[in-house]
């Protein structure tokens, strides 16, 4: 795995609260200690939801990297939300070559044998109205991520018994959920965080096409706006990595033709090149200084051999003036990437000037007394306003350091 696995044992001491969680890397973008991942403490007693394996997946070849069955967690809707569905695609990095995929298949990101039998539902998945005011009583599903290509691969390595079947897993999961009652949905929202946020963009129109025209269908991508930009050495670390993912896992055939008919497949794995062609209403929730991209895309060890960025990428308060200037250019690239997308009235934006990553799954960043806000509205209310057409939402923060509501990630 080499240099791309550099952050596997780095510890987070951040979020203002001093919680310790694992660091971020390519293979495990959000590999963090479990309850702390969701911004809750043991005392909060979140809803725990059991794992369901998709028993009919194997005959379809819809299997995890190691050939085990894929799975999901489902908490049934109730009351006014009984016929509404929220499907959350799990994130967790990618594998781009033989060695990273062999490693991954021995983890919960590549095998259901290693998946937790139950997980906490917090943030956008919470069943409590005081934690999740608009979606608490919907059918809420978390589809587990075990392919390593944002649910988009198609292929296999027979010699190593590696199965690149992300697209088939997506299809098998949707087929099972439709059979479980999602086909009767009055309202549906596809969401995802990080690699799952990228997947929610890639599969957004497919999700829309599952339902009749009368069903209200929208998509939310949280921390999925991965940018094709230069790193601190002038190279393109993330592009090189994504090229490996796309090539190894046969992703090209499952990318939007509206993009691949004029750009190469690797370019079409970057959201900036496909968001404008998504026909279904789409909401982009992203930190302007995305903590994962700062560490793994902008200033990875390979691009910073003298460790000049070491302190800065672990704690933004330690960045020099020139480093902050570089990060401001990254924010500018992000705003340029969404300019055309934001013109459409049906789309939504919440881009806050924080050093964060994934804000919809964590309770403290989704909806809490001190959650991050833009125009005095936390993420949960903003997403609800957009989904239910209560208002148009195109919120872009002023540049760092103007926002004092951020829950910035700090590493050690």
Protein backbone atom coordinates (compact mmCIF):
# COMPACT_ATOMS: atom_id res chain seq x y z
CA UNK A 1 0.00 0.00 0.00
CA UNK A 2 3.05 2.22 0.51
CA UNK A 3 2.73 5.95 0.74
CA UNK A 4 -1.02 6.01 0.12
CA UNK A 5 -1.70 4.34 3.45
CA UNK A 6 0.19 7.03 5.34
CA UNK A 7 -2.57 8.09 7.71
CA UNK A 8 -3.93 4.77 8.95
CA UNK A 9 -2.97 5.20 12.58
CA UNK A 10 -3.06 8.98 12.86
CA UNK A 11 -5.36 10.08 15.70
CA UNK A 12 -7.81 12.93 15.61
CA UNK A 13 -7.99 15.05 18.72
CA UNK A 14 -10.35 17.50 17.17
CA UNK A 15 -13.79 18.66 16.75
CA UNK A 16 -13.87 21.29 19.42
CA UNK A 17 -14.67 18.57 21.96
CA UNK A 18 -11.29 16.79 21.99
CA UNK A 19 -12.65 13.42 20.90
CA UNK A 20 -10.02 10.98 19.62
CA UNK A 21 -10.76 9.14 16.38
CA UNK A 22 -8.60 7.53 13.71
CA UNK A 23 -7.10 9.52 10.88
CA UNK A 24 -7.89 9.75 7.20
CA UNK A 25 -6.26 7.94 4.27
CA UNK A 26 -7.05 6.72 0.78
CA UNK A 27 -8.23 3.26 1.74
CA UNK A 28 -10.23 4.39 4.76
CA UNK A 29 -11.39 7.96 4.26
CA UNK A 30 -13.62 7.88 7.32
CA UNK A 31 -12.17 4.94 9.24
CA UNK A 32 -12.80 6.20 12.76
CA UNK A 33 -13.70 4.77 16.12
CA UNK A 34 -17.30 3.83 15.97
CA UNK A 35 -19.56 5.95 18.15
CA UNK A 36 -17.14 8.85 17.85
CA UNK A 37 -17.54 8.71 14.08
CA UNK A 38 -21.09 9.84 14.56
CA UNK A 39 -20.47 12.70 16.93
CA UNK A 40 -22.15 11.03 19.91
CA UNK A 41 -21.05 9.64 23.24
CA UNK A 42 -22.03 6.38 24.86
CA UNK A 43 -24.37 8.35 27.11
CA UNK A 44 -26.37 9.56 24.11
CA UNK A 45 -27.64 6.01 23.49
CA UNK A 46 -28.18 6.26 19.73
CA UNK A 47 -30.48 3.89 17.92
CA UNK A 48 -28.57 0.72 17.00
CA UNK A 49 -29.67 -0.96 13.75
CA UNK A 50 -28.78 -4.50 12.73
CA UNK A 51 -27.07 -5.66 9.55
CA UNK A 52 -29.08 -7.44 6.84
CA UNK A 53 -27.15 -9.39 4.20
CA UNK A 54 -28.60 -9.45 0.68
CA UNK A 55 -29.18 -13.17 0.31
CA UNK A 56 -30.05 -13.01 -3.38
CA UNK A 57 -26.91 -11.09 -4.34
CA UNK A 58 -24.48 -13.96 -4.97
CA UNK A 59 -26.24 -15.45 -8.04
CA UNK A 60 -26.10 -11.97 -9.58
CA UNK A 61 -22.38 -11.68 -8.89
CA UNK A 62 -23.11 -8.76 -6.57
CA UNK A 63 -20.47 -9.52 -3.96
CA UNK A 64 -17.89 -7.68 -1.86
CA UNK A 65 -14.21 -7.64 -2.78
CA UNK A 66 -13.68 -11.01 -1.10
CA UNK A 67 -16.83 -12.63 -2.51
CA UNK A 68 -18.99 -12.28 0.62
CA UNK A 69 -22.55 -10.95 0.52
CA UNK A 70 -23.14 -7.18 0.64
CA UNK A 71 -25.49 -5.75 3.22
CA UNK A 72 -27.43 -2.82 4.61
CA UNK A 73 -29.03 -1.53 7.81
CA UNK A 74 -32.71 -0.52 7.70
CA UNK A 75 -34.88 1.17 10.29
CA UNK A 76 -38.53 1.22 9.21
CA UNK A 77 -40.38 4.47 8.79
CA UNK A 78 -43.41 5.28 10.87
CA UNK A 79 -46.31 7.70 11.03
CA UNK A 80 -46.23 10.33 8.30
CA UNK A 81 -42.86 8.98 7.10
CA UNK A 82 -43.96 5.38 6.53
CA UNK A 83 -43.86 5.80 2.74
CA UNK A 84 -40.75 7.98 2.59
CA UNK A 85 -37.26 6.54 2.07
CA UNK A 86 -33.76 7.83 2.72
CA UNK A 87 -30.94 5.67 1.35
CA UNK A 88 -27.46 6.51 2.62
CA UNK A 89 -24.45 5.10 0.75
CA UNK A 90 -21.57 4.42 3.10
CA UNK A 91 -18.17 5.97 2.40
CA UNK A 92 -14.70 4.69 3.14
CA UNK A 93 -12.10 5.37 0.46
CA UNK A 94 -11.08 3.31 -2.55
CA UNK A 95 -8.51 0.74 -3.63
CA UNK A 96 -6.51 1.47 -6.76
CA UNK A 97 -4.17 -1.50 -7.21
CA UNK A 98 -3.76 -5.15 -6.36
CA UNK A 99 -2.10 -4.61 -2.99
CA UNK A 100 -4.58 -2.04 -1.67
CA UNK A 101 -7.54 -4.21 -2.72
CA UNK A 102 -6.01 -7.35 -1.16
CA UNK A 103 -5.58 -5.39 2.07
CA UNK A 104 -9.08 -3.98 1.86
CA UNK A 105 -10.79 -7.35 1.46
CA UNK A 106 -9.68 -8.22 4.99
CA UNK A 107 -11.53 -5.21 6.43
CA UNK A 108 -15.15 -4.11 6.75
CA UNK A 109 -14.61 -2.05 3.60
CA UNK A 110 -14.12 -5.19 1.54
CA UNK A 111 -15.92 -8.01 3.31
CA UNK A 112 -19.19 -8.42 5.18
CA UNK A 113 -17.38 -10.93 7.42
CA UNK A 114 -15.73 -7.94 9.11
CA UNK A 115 -18.73 -5.61 9.20
CA UNK A 116 -20.30 -4.60 12.51
CA UNK A 117 -23.51 -6.52 13.17
CA UNK A 118 -25.20 -3.30 14.21
CA UNK A 119 -24.34 0.37 13.88
CA UNK A 120 -25.63 3.61 15.43
CA UNK A 121 -28.05 5.70 13.39
CA UNK A 122 -27.25 9.34 14.10
CA UNK A 123 -27.39 12.63 12.24
CA UNK A 124 -29.46 12.29 9.09
CA UNK A 125 -30.24 8.69 10.09
CA UNK A 126 -31.46 9.48 13.63
CA UNK A 127 -34.99 8.46 14.66
CA UNK A 128 -35.38 11.41 17.02
CA UNK A 129 -37.11 14.61 15.85
CA UNK A 130 -34.89 16.72 18.11
CA UNK A 131 -31.85 15.32 16.25
CA UNK A 132 -33.22 14.95 12.73
CA UNK A 133 -36.31 17.15 12.34
CA UNK A 134 -37.27 16.37 8.75
CA UNK A 135 -36.30 12.73 8.19
CA UNK A 136 -36.53 11.10 11.64
CA UNK A 137 -39.59 8.99 10.81
CA UNK A 138 -38.66 7.99 7.26
CA UNK A 139 -37.46 4.55 6.27
CA UNK A 140 -33.74 5.10 6.74
CA UNK A 141 -31.24 2.75 5.14
CA UNK A 142 -27.45 2.62 5.22
CA UNK A 143 -26.00 0.54 2.40
CA UNK A 144 -22.60 -0.83 3.40
CA UNK A 145 -19.60 -0.12 1.19
CA UNK A 146 -17.42 -3.13 0.36
CA UNK A 147 -16.23 -2.73 -3.24
CA UNK A 148 -13.68 0.09 -3.18
CA UNK A 149 -14.88 2.04 -6.24
CA UNK A 150 -17.86 4.08 -5.02
CA UNK A 151 -20.36 1.37 -6.04
CA UNK A 152 -19.26 1.70 -9.67
CA UNK A 153 -16.83 -1.13 -10.53
CA UNK A 154 -17.35 -4.10 -12.84
CA UNK A 155 -14.71 -6.81 -13.12
CA UNK A 156 -12.68 -9.35 -11.17
CA UNK A 157 -9.19 -10.69 -10.57
CA UNK A 158 -9.64 -14.46 -10.55
CA UNK A 159 -6.08 -15.23 -9.55
CA UNK A 160 -6.37 -13.13 -6.39
CA UNK A 161 -10.07 -13.82 -5.85
CA UNK A 162 -10.90 -10.13 -5.94
CA UNK A 163 -14.37 -9.11 -7.10
CA UNK A 164 -14.87 -5.59 -8.40
CA UNK A 165 -18.65 -5.57 -8.36
CA UNK A 166 -19.71 -2.19 -7.01
CA UNK A 167 -22.26 -1.53 -9.75
CA UNK A 168 -23.87 -4.92 -9.19
CA UNK A 169 -23.97 -4.31 -5.43
CA UNK A 170 -25.75 -1.01 -6.07
CA UNK A 171 -28.29 -2.74 -8.32
CA UNK A 172 -28.86 -5.67 -5.95
CA UNK A 173 -29.35 -3.35 -2.97
CA UNK A 174 -31.83 -1.17 -4.83
CA UNK A 175 -33.72 -4.22 -6.10
CA UNK A 176 -34.02 -5.60 -2.57
CA UNK A 177 -35.16 -2.28 -1.11
CA UNK A 178 -37.76 -1.89 -3.87
CA UNK A 179 -39.07 -5.34 -2.96
CA UNK A 180 -39.14 -4.34 0.72
CA UNK A 181 -41.52 -1.49 -0.08
CA UNK A 182 -39.43 1.36 -1.49
CA UNK A 183 -41.30 1.04 -4.79
CA UNK A 184 -44.32 2.55 -3.02
CA UNK A 185 -42.38 5.61 -1.85
CA UNK A 186 -44.02 9.01 -2.05
CA UNK A 187 -40.68 10.66 -1.33
CA UNK A 188 -37.10 9.43 -1.63
CA UNK A 189 -33.65 10.86 -0.94
CA UNK A 190 -30.35 9.26 -1.95
CA UNK A 191 -27.44 10.46 0.16
CA UNK A 192 -23.87 9.51 0.90
CA UNK A 193 -20.71 10.71 2.61
CA UNK A 194 -17.20 10.91 1.14
CA UNK A 195 -16.74 7.98 -1.29
CA UNK A 196 -20.46 7.45 -0.70
CA UNK A 197 -21.06 11.10 -1.54
CA UNK A 198 -19.32 10.55 -4.87
CA UNK A 199 -21.48 7.45 -5.35
CA UNK A 200 -24.66 9.43 -4.68
CA UNK A 201 -23.71 11.73 -7.56
CA UNK A 202 -22.79 8.88 -9.90
CA UNK A 203 -26.04 7.01 -9.17
CA UNK A 204 -28.41 9.94 -8.69
CA UNK A 205 -30.24 9.70 -12.01
CA UNK A 206 -30.33 5.88 -11.75
CA UNK A 207 -32.04 6.30 -8.40
CA UNK A 208 -34.57 8.70 -9.90
CA UNK A 209 -35.35 6.19 -12.65
CA UNK A 210 -36.34 3.53 -10.11
CA UNK A 211 -39.51 5.43 -9.28
CA UNK A 212 -42.60 6.64 -11.12
CA UNK A 213 -42.73 10.30 -12.07
CA UNK A 214 -45.08 11.16 -9.20
CA UNK A 215 -42.45 10.24 -6.57
CA UNK A 216 -40.45 13.17 -5.23
CA UNK A 217 -36.79 12.15 -5.65
CA UNK A 218 -33.66 14.12 -4.83
CA UNK A 219 -30.00 13.41 -3.99
CA UNK A 220 -27.53 14.68 -1.39
CA UNK A 221 -23.75 14.45 -1.63
CA UNK A 222 -21.86 15.10 1.60
CA UNK A 223 -18.08 15.62 1.29
CA UNK A 224 -18.18 14.04 -2.15
CA UNK A 225 -16.87 16.97 -4.17
CA UNK A 226 -13.38 15.61 -4.80
CA UNK A 227 -11.45 18.04 -6.98
CA UNK A 228 -8.96 17.40 -9.76
CA UNK A 229 -6.42 19.99 -8.63
CA UNK A 230 -2.67 20.35 -8.19
CA UNK A 231 -1.05 19.20 -4.97
CA UNK A 232 1.62 21.21 -3.16
CA UNK A 233 4.36 19.84 -5.42
CA UNK A 234 2.57 20.77 -8.63
CA UNK A 235 1.51 17.19 -9.32
CA UNK A 236 -1.91 15.57 -9.41
CA UNK A 237 -1.87 12.96 -6.65
CA UNK A 238 -5.61 12.33 -6.53
CA UNK A 239 -5.94 12.12 -10.31
CA UNK A 240 -3.24 9.47 -10.45
CA UNK A 241 -4.96 7.54 -7.69
CA UNK A 242 -8.42 7.79 -9.29
CA UNK A 243 -6.92 6.63 -12.59
CA UNK A 244 -5.85 3.44 -10.83
CA UNK A 245 -9.33 2.93 -9.35
CA UNK A 246 -11.10 3.49 -12.66
CA UNK A 247 -8.72 1.25 -14.64
CA UNK A 248 -8.37 -1.59 -12.15
CA UNK A 249 -12.05 -1.89 -11.31
CA UNK A 250 -13.55 -1.38 -14.76
CA UNK A 251 -15.42 1.75 -13.72
CA UNK A 252 -15.45 3.41 -17.16
CA UNK A 253 -18.46 1.48 -18.47
CA UNK A 254 -20.58 2.71 -15.55
CA UNK A 255 -19.74 6.40 -15.78
CA UNK A 256 -22.22 8.92 -17.25
CA UNK A 257 -22.09 8.89 -21.07
CA UNK A 258 -22.78 12.61 -20.99
CA UNK A 259 -19.25 12.94 -19.62
CA UNK A 260 -17.37 10.05 -21.24
CA UNK A 261 -18.47 11.13 -24.70
CA UNK A 262 -16.06 14.06 -24.45
CA UNK A 263 -13.72 13.39 -21.50
CA UNK A 264 -11.52 10.48 -20.43
CA UNK A 265 -12.92 8.07 -17.81
CA UNK A 266 -10.69 9.32 -14.99
CA UNK A 267 -11.95 12.88 -15.50
CA UNK A 268 -15.50 11.54 -15.34
CA UNK A 269 -14.86 10.05 -11.88
CA UNK A 270 -14.35 13.59 -10.61
CA UNK A 271 -17.69 15.17 -9.61
CA UNK A 272 -16.75 18.59 -11.00
CA UNK A 273 -17.12 17.14 -14.50
CA UNK A 274 -20.50 15.48 -14.01
CA UNK A 275 -22.59 17.50 -11.55
CA UNK A 276 -23.94 19.87 -14.20
CA UNK A 277 -25.32 16.97 -16.25
CA UNK A 278 -27.20 15.33 -13.35
CA UNK A 279 -30.88 15.77 -14.17
CA UNK A 280 -32.24 14.95 -10.71
CA UNK A 281 -32.20 17.73 -8.05
CA UNK A 282 -28.88 17.48 -6.22
CA UNK A 283 -27.58 19.09 -3.03
CA UNK A 284 -23.84 19.50 -2.41
CA UNK A 285 -22.77 19.70 1.24
CA UNK A 286 -19.03 20.29 1.53
CA UNK A 287 -16.40 21.96 3.66
CA UNK A 288 -14.43 24.45 1.58
CA UNK A 289 -11.23 23.17 3.20
CA UNK A 290 -12.18 19.51 3.18
CA UNK A 291 -10.00 17.83 5.80
CA UNK A 292 -9.50 14.66 3.80
CA UNK A 293 -8.53 16.48 0.62
CA UNK A 294 -6.08 18.71 2.49
CA UNK A 295 -4.31 15.67 3.90
CA UNK A 296 -4.51 13.06 1.17
CA UNK A 297 -4.88 15.05 -2.06
CA UNK A 298 -3.25 18.44 -1.53
CA UNK A 299 -0.38 17.61 0.83
CA UNK A 300 0.24 13.85 0.93
CA UNK A 301 3.75 12.73 1.98
CA UNK A 302 4.78 12.00 -1.60
CA UNK A 303 4.14 15.62 -2.54
CA UNK A 304 5.72 16.97 0.63
CA UNK A 305 9.00 15.01 1.12
CA UNK A 306 10.44 17.59 3.53
CA UNK A 307 7.32 17.62 5.72
CA UNK A 308 6.83 21.35 5.28
CA UNK A 309 3.06 20.80 5.42
CA UNK A 310 3.09 18.33 8.30
CA UNK A 311 1.89 20.68 11.03
CA UNK A 312 -0.47 22.65 8.80
CA UNK A 313 -2.42 19.68 7.48
CA UNK A 314 -2.88 18.30 11.00
CA UNK A 315 -3.99 21.61 12.49
CA UNK A 316 -4.99 24.58 10.36
CA UNK A 317 -3.99 26.96 13.18
CA UNK A 318 -0.37 26.00 12.47
CA UNK A 319 -0.47 26.94 8.78
CA UNK A 320 1.83 29.68 7.52
CA UNK A 321 0.49 32.63 5.56
CA UNK A 322 1.63 31.08 2.27
CA UNK A 323 0.00 27.76 3.16
CA UNK A 324 -3.28 29.50 3.97
CA UNK A 325 -3.01 31.26 0.62
CA UNK A 326 -2.65 27.86 -1.10
CA UNK A 327 -5.74 26.59 0.74
CA UNK A 328 -7.66 29.71 -0.28
CA UNK A 329 -6.86 28.86 -3.90
CA UNK A 330 -8.27 25.37 -3.30
CA UNK A 331 -11.48 26.94 -2.00
CA UNK A 332 -11.57 29.14 -5.09
CA UNK A 333 -11.24 26.03 -7.29
CA UNK A 334 -14.17 24.48 -5.42
CA UNK A 335 -16.36 27.52 -5.94
CA UNK A 336 -15.45 27.58 -9.63
CA UNK A 337 -16.39 23.90 -9.88
CA UNK A 338 -19.93 24.54 -8.64
CA UNK A 339 -20.59 27.79 -10.49
CA UNK A 340 -22.47 26.24 -13.41
CA UNK A 341 -24.17 23.69 -11.16
CA UNK A 342 -25.54 26.39 -8.88
CA UNK A 343 -27.36 28.16 -11.71
CA UNK A 344 -30.08 25.52 -11.72
CA UNK A 345 -32.88 26.46 -9.33
CA UNK A 346 -33.48 22.82 -8.41
CA UNK A 347 -29.98 22.30 -7.00
CA UNK A 348 -28.75 23.21 -3.51
CA UNK A 349 -25.44 24.19 -1.90
CA UNK A 350 -24.05 24.40 1.62
CA UNK A 351 -20.31 25.13 1.46
CA UNK A 352 -18.94 26.25 4.79
CA UNK A 353 -15.40 27.45 5.40
CA UNK A 354 -14.46 24.66 7.77
CA UNK A 355 -11.72 22.04 8.02
CA UNK A 356 -14.18 19.15 8.18
CA UNK A 357 -15.23 16.01 6.34
CA UNK A 358 -18.72 14.47 6.36
CA UNK A 359 -21.21 16.65 8.23
CA UNK A 360 -24.52 14.84 7.70
CA UNK A 361 -23.72 11.62 9.60
CA UNK A 362 -22.28 13.27 12.70
CA UNK A 363 -24.90 14.44 15.16
CA UNK A 364 -22.82 17.42 16.30
CA UNK A 365 -22.49 18.79 12.77
CA UNK A 366 -25.93 17.77 11.45
CA UNK A 367 -28.22 19.19 14.14
CA UNK A 368 -27.21 20.15 17.67
CA UNK A 369 -27.20 23.24 19.85
CA UNK A 370 -23.81 24.34 18.56
CA UNK A 371 -23.87 22.92 15.02
CA UNK A 372 -22.15 24.79 12.18
CA UNK A 373 -24.52 27.29 10.57
CA UNK A 374 -24.77 29.45 7.48
CA UNK A 375 -27.21 32.36 7.63
CA UNK A 376 -28.13 31.08 11.11
CA UNK A 377 -29.31 27.73 9.76
CA UNK A 378 -27.67 24.37 10.59
CA UNK A 379 -27.12 21.73 7.94
CA UNK A 380 -30.24 19.72 8.84
CA UNK A 381 -32.62 22.66 8.46
CA UNK A 382 -30.94 23.79 5.25
CA UNK A 383 -31.20 20.35 3.64
CA UNK A 384 -34.83 20.09 4.74
CA UNK A 385 -35.64 23.53 3.32
CA UNK A 386 -34.19 22.44 -0.01
CA UNK A 387 -35.77 18.97 -0.12
CA UNK A 388 -39.26 20.16 0.78
CA UNK A 389 -39.02 23.28 -1.38
CA UNK A 390 -39.48 25.58 1.59
CA UNK A 391 -36.81 27.84 0.14
CA UNK A 392 -34.03 27.90 -2.41
CA UNK A 393 -30.69 27.10 -0.84
CA UNK A 394 -27.40 28.32 -2.31
CA UNK A 395 -25.26 29.01 0.74
CA UNK A 396 -21.52 29.71 0.36
CA UNK A 397 -19.51 30.85 3.36
CA UNK A 398 -17.04 33.72 3.45
CA UNK A 399 -13.43 32.55 3.40
CA UNK A 400 -11.49 31.31 6.44
CA UNK A 401 -11.23 32.43 9.20
CA UNK A 402 -14.60 34.18 9.23
CA UNK A 403 -16.80 31.27 10.44
CA UNK A 404 -16.70 30.68 14.21
CA UNK A 405 -19.35 27.94 14.14
CA UNK A 406 -17.12 25.32 12.49
CA UNK A 407 -16.35 21.98 14.09
CA UNK A 408 -12.84 21.84 12.68
CA UNK A 409 -10.93 18.58 12.67
CA UNK A 410 -7.54 18.67 14.34
CA UNK A 411 -5.13 15.73 14.10
CA UNK A 412 -2.10 14.56 16.00
